[in-house]
Amino acid sequence: NDVDKLYIWVESRQKSYSFNVFALKNNKIIPKEDMNREDFTVYEFLGEAVYFIRNEFKKLSEKYNMLLPSEIKIVFDVHTNNFDAKYKYDKEGEEPMSDYEIMEIWEKEVRNTLV
């Protein structure tokens, strides 16, 4: 029942945070709505992500006097316990996309890499 990879997206805008996640299992994308199991729900996972970003990640940014990225994409490989993270900061004049648009584009990018 385990997934192979988790794709986690976090956005931080002023005082609001957005989170989303999807998974990869056997080369198939699993949307967050289909990730629920009896012992764990994706919403519990996202709740932990909210806590982490609001507290721990923010503390690190403040400690090192750095801006909190406006967007973070994390790919976590469940089998190797390795992750890759990409982040970016707001760009002036950049038209913001909706959460749905961002996840749709990212899922499409992942789908295009599958064999």
C-alpha atoms as a PDB file:
ATOM      1  CA  ASN A   1       0.000   0.000   0.000  1.00  0.00           C
ATOM      2  CA  ASP A   2       2.979   2.322   0.288  1.00  0.00           C
ATOM      3  CA  VAL A   3       3.590   4.925  -2.348  1.00  0.00           C
ATOM      4  CA  ASP A   4       6.921   5.311  -4.134  1.00  0.00           C
ATOM      5  CA  LYS A   5       7.213   9.096  -3.987  1.00  0.00           C
ATOM      6  CA  LEU A   6       5.427  12.044  -2.422  1.00  0.00           C
ATOM      7  CA  TYR A   7       5.229  15.383  -4.224  1.00  0.00           C
ATOM      8  CA  ILE A   8       4.639  18.166  -1.727  1.00  0.00           C
ATOM      9  CA  TRP A   9       3.941  21.764  -2.663  1.00  0.00           C
ATOM     10  CA  VAL A  10       3.958  24.623  -0.155  1.00  0.00           C
ATOM     11  CA  GLU A  11       3.224  28.267  -0.834  1.00  0.00           C
ATOM     12  CA  SER A  12       3.755  31.095   1.625  1.00  0.00           C
ATOM     13  CA  ARG A  13       2.175  34.468   0.897  1.00  0.00           C
ATOM     14  CA  GLN A  14       2.317  37.107   3.629  1.00  0.00           C
ATOM     15  CA  LYS A  15       0.358  35.427   6.464  1.00  0.00           C
ATOM     16  CA  SER A  16      -1.323  32.645   4.504  1.00  0.00           C
ATOM     17  CA  TYR A  17      -0.020  29.218   3.588  1.00  0.00           C
ATOM     18  CA  SER A  18      -1.208  26.782   0.952  1.00  0.00           C
ATOM     19  CA  PHE A  19      -0.284  23.119   0.766  1.00  0.00           C
ATOM     20  CA  ASN A  20      -0.963  20.302  -1.601  1.00  0.00           C
ATOM     21  CA  VAL A  21       0.368  16.844  -2.234  1.00  0.00           C
ATOM     22  CA  PHE A  22       0.124  13.969  -4.671  1.00  0.00           C
ATOM     23  CA  ALA A  23       1.900  10.634  -4.794  1.00  0.00           C
ATOM     24  CA  LEU A  24       3.409   8.247  -7.273  1.00  0.00           C
ATOM     25  CA  LYS A  25       2.756   4.521  -6.943  1.00  0.00           C
ATOM     26  CA  ASN A  26       3.723   1.968  -9.582  1.00  0.00           C
ATOM     27  CA  ASN A  27       4.219   4.788 -12.121  1.00  0.00           C
ATOM     28  CA  LYS A  28       0.700   6.097 -11.518  1.00  0.00           C
ATOM     29  CA  ILE A  29      -0.158   9.454  -9.998  1.00  0.00           C
ATOM     30  CA  ILE A  30      -2.344   9.278  -6.912  1.00  0.00           C
ATOM     31  CA  PRO A  31      -4.181  12.530  -6.084  1.00  0.00           C
ATOM     32  CA  LYS A  32      -4.400  13.538  -2.427  1.00  0.00           C
ATOM     33  CA  GLU A  33      -8.081  12.599  -2.278  1.00  0.00           C
ATOM     34  CA  ASP A  34      -7.159   8.970  -3.014  1.00  0.00           C
ATOM     35  CA  MET A  35      -4.310   8.804  -0.519  1.00  0.00           C
ATOM     36  CA  ASN A  36      -6.422   8.329   2.612  1.00  0.00           C
ATOM     37  CA  ARG A  37      -6.020   5.148   4.613  1.00  0.00           C
ATOM     38  CA  GLU A  38      -7.574   4.058   7.884  1.00  0.00           C
ATOM     39  CA  ASP A  39      -4.460   4.832   9.932  1.00  0.00           C
ATOM     40  CA  PHE A  40      -3.410   8.027   8.173  1.00  0.00           C
ATOM     41  CA  THR A  41      -5.066  10.744   6.172  1.00  0.00           C
ATOM     42  CA  VAL A  42      -3.418  13.198   3.867  1.00  0.00           C
ATOM     43  CA  TYR A  43      -5.096  15.958   5.851  1.00  0.00           C
ATOM     44  CA  GLU A  44      -3.177  14.916   8.976  1.00  0.00           C
ATOM     45  CA  PHE A  45      -0.032  15.031   6.859  1.00  0.00           C
ATOM     46  CA  LEU A  46      -0.863  18.508   5.582  1.00  0.00           C
ATOM     47  CA  GLY A  47      -1.582  19.599   9.156  1.00  0.00           C
ATOM     48  CA  GLU A  48       1.946  18.549  10.111  1.00  0.00           C
ATOM     49  CA  ALA A  49       3.272  20.454   7.095  1.00  0.00           C
ATOM     50  CA  VAL A  50       1.442  23.588   8.260  1.00  0.00           C
ATOM     51  CA  TYR A  51       3.029  23.251  11.696  1.00  0.00           C
ATOM     52  CA  PHE A  52       6.490  22.699  10.222  1.00  0.00           C
ATOM     53  CA  ILE A  53       6.351  25.669   7.840  1.00  0.00           C
ATOM     54  CA  ARG A  54       4.764  28.072  10.326  1.00  0.00           C
ATOM     55  CA  ASN A  55       7.176  27.180  13.090  1.00  0.00           C
ATOM     56  CA  GLU A  56      10.384  25.360  12.235  1.00  0.00           C
ATOM     57  CA  PHE A  57      10.998  26.611   8.698  1.00  0.00           C
ATOM     58  CA  LYS A  58      10.138  30.165   9.674  1.00  0.00           C
ATOM     59  CA  LYS A  59      12.527  29.966  12.664  1.00  0.00           C
ATOM     60  CA  LEU A  60      15.340  28.867  10.353  1.00  0.00           C
ATOM     61  CA  SER A  61      14.641  31.777   7.990  1.00  0.00           C
ATOM     62  CA  GLU A  62      14.701  34.238  10.865  1.00  0.00           C
ATOM     63  CA  LYS A  63      17.788  32.682  12.477  1.00  0.00           C
ATOM     64  CA  TYR A  64      19.812  33.088   9.284  1.00  0.00           C
ATOM     65  CA  ASN A  65      18.152  36.392   8.381  1.00  0.00           C
ATOM     66  CA  MET A  66      16.823  35.042   5.090  1.00  0.00           C
ATOM     67  CA  LEU A  67      13.486  35.441   3.393  1.00  0.00           C
ATOM     68  CA  LEU A  68      11.009  32.600   3.565  1.00  0.00           C
ATOM     69  CA  PRO A  69      10.619  31.236   0.021  1.00  0.00           C
ATOM     70  CA  SER A  70       7.241  31.942  -1.526  1.00  0.00           C
ATOM     71  CA  GLU A  71       7.056  28.447  -3.038  1.00  0.00           C
ATOM     72  CA  ILE A  72       8.659  25.117  -2.155  1.00  0.00           C
ATOM     73  CA  LYS A  73       8.341  21.869  -4.093  1.00  0.00           C
ATOM     74  CA  ILE A  74       9.582  18.734  -2.365  1.00  0.00           C
ATOM     75  CA  VAL A  75       9.894  15.277  -3.902  1.00  0.00           C
ATOM     76  CA  PHE A  76      10.331  12.614  -1.235  1.00  0.00           C
ATOM     77  CA  ASP A  77      11.421   9.106  -2.268  1.00  0.00           C
ATOM     78  CA  VAL A  78       9.781   6.808   0.280  1.00  0.00           C
ATOM     79  CA  HIS A  79      12.081   3.845  -0.441  1.00  0.00           C
ATOM     80  CA  THR A  80      15.389   5.685  -0.049  1.00  0.00           C
ATOM     81  CA  ASN A  81      14.253   8.363   2.443  1.00  0.00           C
ATOM     82  CA  ASN A  82      15.857  10.972   0.183  1.00  0.00           C
ATOM     83  CA  PHE A  83      14.262  14.180  -0.921  1.00  0.00           C
ATOM     84  CA  ASP A  84      14.863  16.925  -3.416  1.00  0.00           C
ATOM     85  CA  ALA A  85      13.565  20.420  -2.800  1.00  0.00           C
ATOM     86  CA  LYS A  86      13.224  23.364  -5.140  1.00  0.00           C
ATOM     87  CA  TYR A  87      12.151  26.755  -3.983  1.00  0.00           C
ATOM     88  CA  LYS A  88      11.560  30.180  -5.404  1.00  0.00           C
ATOM     89  CA  TYR A  89      10.809  33.692  -4.313  1.00  0.00           C
ATOM     90  CA  ASP A  90       8.131  36.028  -5.643  1.00  0.00           C
ATOM     91  CA  LYS A  91       9.109  37.902  -8.742  1.00  0.00           C
ATOM     92  CA  GLU A  92       7.798  41.379  -9.330  1.00  0.00           C
ATOM     93  CA  GLY A  93       5.259  41.507 -12.111  1.00  0.00           C
ATOM     94  CA  GLU A  94       4.789  37.727 -12.100  1.00  0.00           C
ATOM     95  CA  GLU A  95       1.138  36.782 -12.452  1.00  0.00           C
ATOM     96  CA  PRO A  96       0.188  34.457  -9.576  1.00  0.00           C
ATOM     97  CA  MET A  97      -1.362  31.116 -10.457  1.00  0.00           C
ATOM     98  CA  SER A  98      -4.021  29.310  -8.475  1.00  0.00           C
ATOM     99  CA  ASP A  99      -3.148  26.280  -6.332  1.00  0.00           C
ATOM    100  CA  TYR A 100      -5.023  24.108  -8.816  1.00  0.00           C
ATOM    101  CA  GLU A 101      -3.054  25.438 -11.805  1.00  0.00           C
ATOM    102  CA  ILE A 102       0.294  24.909 -10.071  1.00  0.00           C
ATOM    103  CA  MET A 103      -0.514  21.321  -9.107  1.00  0.00           C
ATOM    104  CA  GLU A 104      -1.963  20.543 -12.533  1.00  0.00           C
ATOM    105  CA  ILE A 105       1.222  21.739 -14.250  1.00  0.00           C
ATOM    106  CA  TRP A 106       3.460  19.831 -11.822  1.00  0.00           C
ATOM    107  CA  GLU A 107       1.446  16.608 -12.205  1.00  0.00           C
ATOM    108  CA  LYS A 108       1.716  16.957 -15.985  1.00  0.00           C
ATOM    109  CA  GLU A 109       5.491  17.435 -15.719  1.00  0.00           C
ATOM    110  CA  VAL A 110       5.755  14.257 -13.613  1.00  0.00           C
ATOM    111  CA  ARG A 111       3.464  12.314 -15.968  1.00  0.00           C
ATOM    112  CA  ASN A 112       5.697  13.284 -18.914  1.00  0.00           C
ATOM    113  CA  THR A 113       8.721  11.715 -17.173  1.00  0.00           C
ATOM    114  CA  LEU A 114       7.031   8.349 -16.595  1.00  0.00           C
ATOM    115  CA  VAL A 115       7.935   5.431 -18.811  1.00  0.00           C
END
